[in-house]
Protein backbone atom coordinates (compact mmCIF):
# COMPACT_ATOMS: atom_id res chain seq x y z
CA UNK A 1 37.19 -13.34 -47.61
CA UNK A 2 36.31 -9.74 -48.47
CA UNK A 3 33.10 -10.09 -46.49
CA UNK A 4 35.10 -11.05 -43.41
CA UNK A 5 37.16 -7.86 -43.76
CA UNK A 6 34.03 -5.75 -44.04
CA UNK A 7 32.60 -7.39 -40.93
CA UNK A 8 35.85 -6.72 -39.04
CA UNK A 9 35.74 -3.05 -40.09
CA UNK A 10 32.13 -2.73 -38.96
CA UNK A 11 32.93 -4.35 -35.62
CA UNK A 12 35.86 -1.97 -35.14
CA UNK A 13 33.71 1.06 -35.98
CA UNK A 14 31.02 -0.14 -33.58
CA UNK A 15 33.53 -0.42 -30.73
CA UNK A 16 35.35 2.86 -31.39
CA UNK A 17 32.31 4.97 -32.29
CA UNK A 18 31.51 6.13 -28.71
CA UNK A 19 34.99 7.64 -28.39
CA UNK A 20 34.60 9.74 -31.54
CA UNK A 21 33.46 12.90 -29.75
CA UNK A 22 34.46 14.55 -26.49
CA UNK A 23 31.04 13.87 -24.95
CA UNK A 24 31.20 10.24 -26.09
CA UNK A 25 34.64 9.85 -24.54
CA UNK A 26 33.33 11.25 -21.24
CA UNK A 27 30.41 8.80 -21.38
CA UNK A 28 32.81 5.90 -21.85
CA UNK A 29 34.73 7.04 -18.76
CA UNK A 30 31.47 7.38 -16.76
CA UNK A 31 30.29 3.92 -17.78
CA UNK A 32 33.68 2.42 -16.95
CA UNK A 33 33.68 4.07 -13.53
CA UNK A 34 30.16 2.79 -12.85
CA UNK A 35 31.16 -0.75 -13.82
CA UNK A 36 34.26 -0.66 -11.61
CA UNK A 37 32.45 0.70 -8.56
CA UNK A 38 29.01 -0.94 -8.79
CA UNK A 39 28.90 -3.91 -11.14
CA UNK A 40 32.20 -5.69 -10.44
CA UNK A 41 31.89 -5.65 -6.62
CA UNK A 42 28.44 -7.28 -6.94
CA UNK A 43 29.59 -10.18 -9.11
CA UNK A 44 31.58 -12.33 -6.62
CA UNK A 45 28.75 -12.54 -4.04
CA UNK A 46 26.24 -13.39 -6.77
CA UNK A 47 28.50 -16.08 -8.19
CA UNK A 48 29.05 -17.58 -4.72
CA UNK A 49 25.30 -17.56 -4.10
CA UNK A 50 24.66 -19.43 -7.36
CA UNK A 51 27.41 -21.95 -6.54
CA UNK A 52 26.02 -22.61 -3.06
CA UNK A 53 22.49 -23.02 -4.42
CA UNK A 54 23.67 -25.51 -7.06
CA UNK A 55 25.61 -27.53 -4.46
CA UNK A 56 22.62 -27.49 -2.12
CA UNK A 57 20.35 -28.77 -4.89
CA UNK A 58 22.81 -31.55 -5.73
CA UNK A 59 23.06 -32.68 -2.12
CA UNK A 60 19.28 -32.54 -1.66
CA UNK A 61 18.81 -34.73 -4.73
CA UNK A 62 21.36 -37.21 -3.42
CA UNK A 63 19.64 -37.32 -0.01
CA UNK A 64 16.24 -37.94 -1.59
CA UNK A 65 17.70 -40.71 -3.75
CA UNK A 66 19.33 -42.28 -0.67
CA UNK A 67 16.11 -42.08 1.33
CA UNK A 68 13.90 -43.55 -1.42
CA UNK A 69 16.32 -46.37 -2.17
CA UNK A 70 15.95 -47.78 1.32
CA UNK A 71 19.68 -48.47 1.48
CA UNK A 72 21.59 -48.37 4.74
CA UNK A 73 24.98 -47.77 3.10
CA UNK A 74 25.44 -44.01 2.76
CA UNK A 75 28.93 -44.39 1.27
CA UNK A 76 27.41 -45.80 -1.89
CA UNK A 77 25.81 -42.41 -2.60
CA UNK A 78 28.66 -40.06 -1.67
CA UNK A 79 31.94 -40.09 -3.55
CA UNK A 80 34.49 -39.41 -0.84
CA UNK A 81 37.40 -39.31 -3.28
CA UNK A 82 36.16 -36.04 -4.79
CA UNK A 83 37.07 -32.71 -3.27
CA UNK A 84 34.19 -30.35 -2.48
């Protein structure tokens, strides 16, 4: 149990260390501003792109399976009760 406390103290020191000096505090503010203005606005389009690619791959696989099966019943391959 004592080892867990030591690990918690080390984790706390690792997180609070950059704010120990004035220059470190300014660097934390600069990094936070960069993340808010550059990184976060880029995430939603990237996530949508990955989602669309995954859906496209799923539908392509289903179409290939339908074509190679020789079936004429498309409803057997598409679950219409699911949304999306």
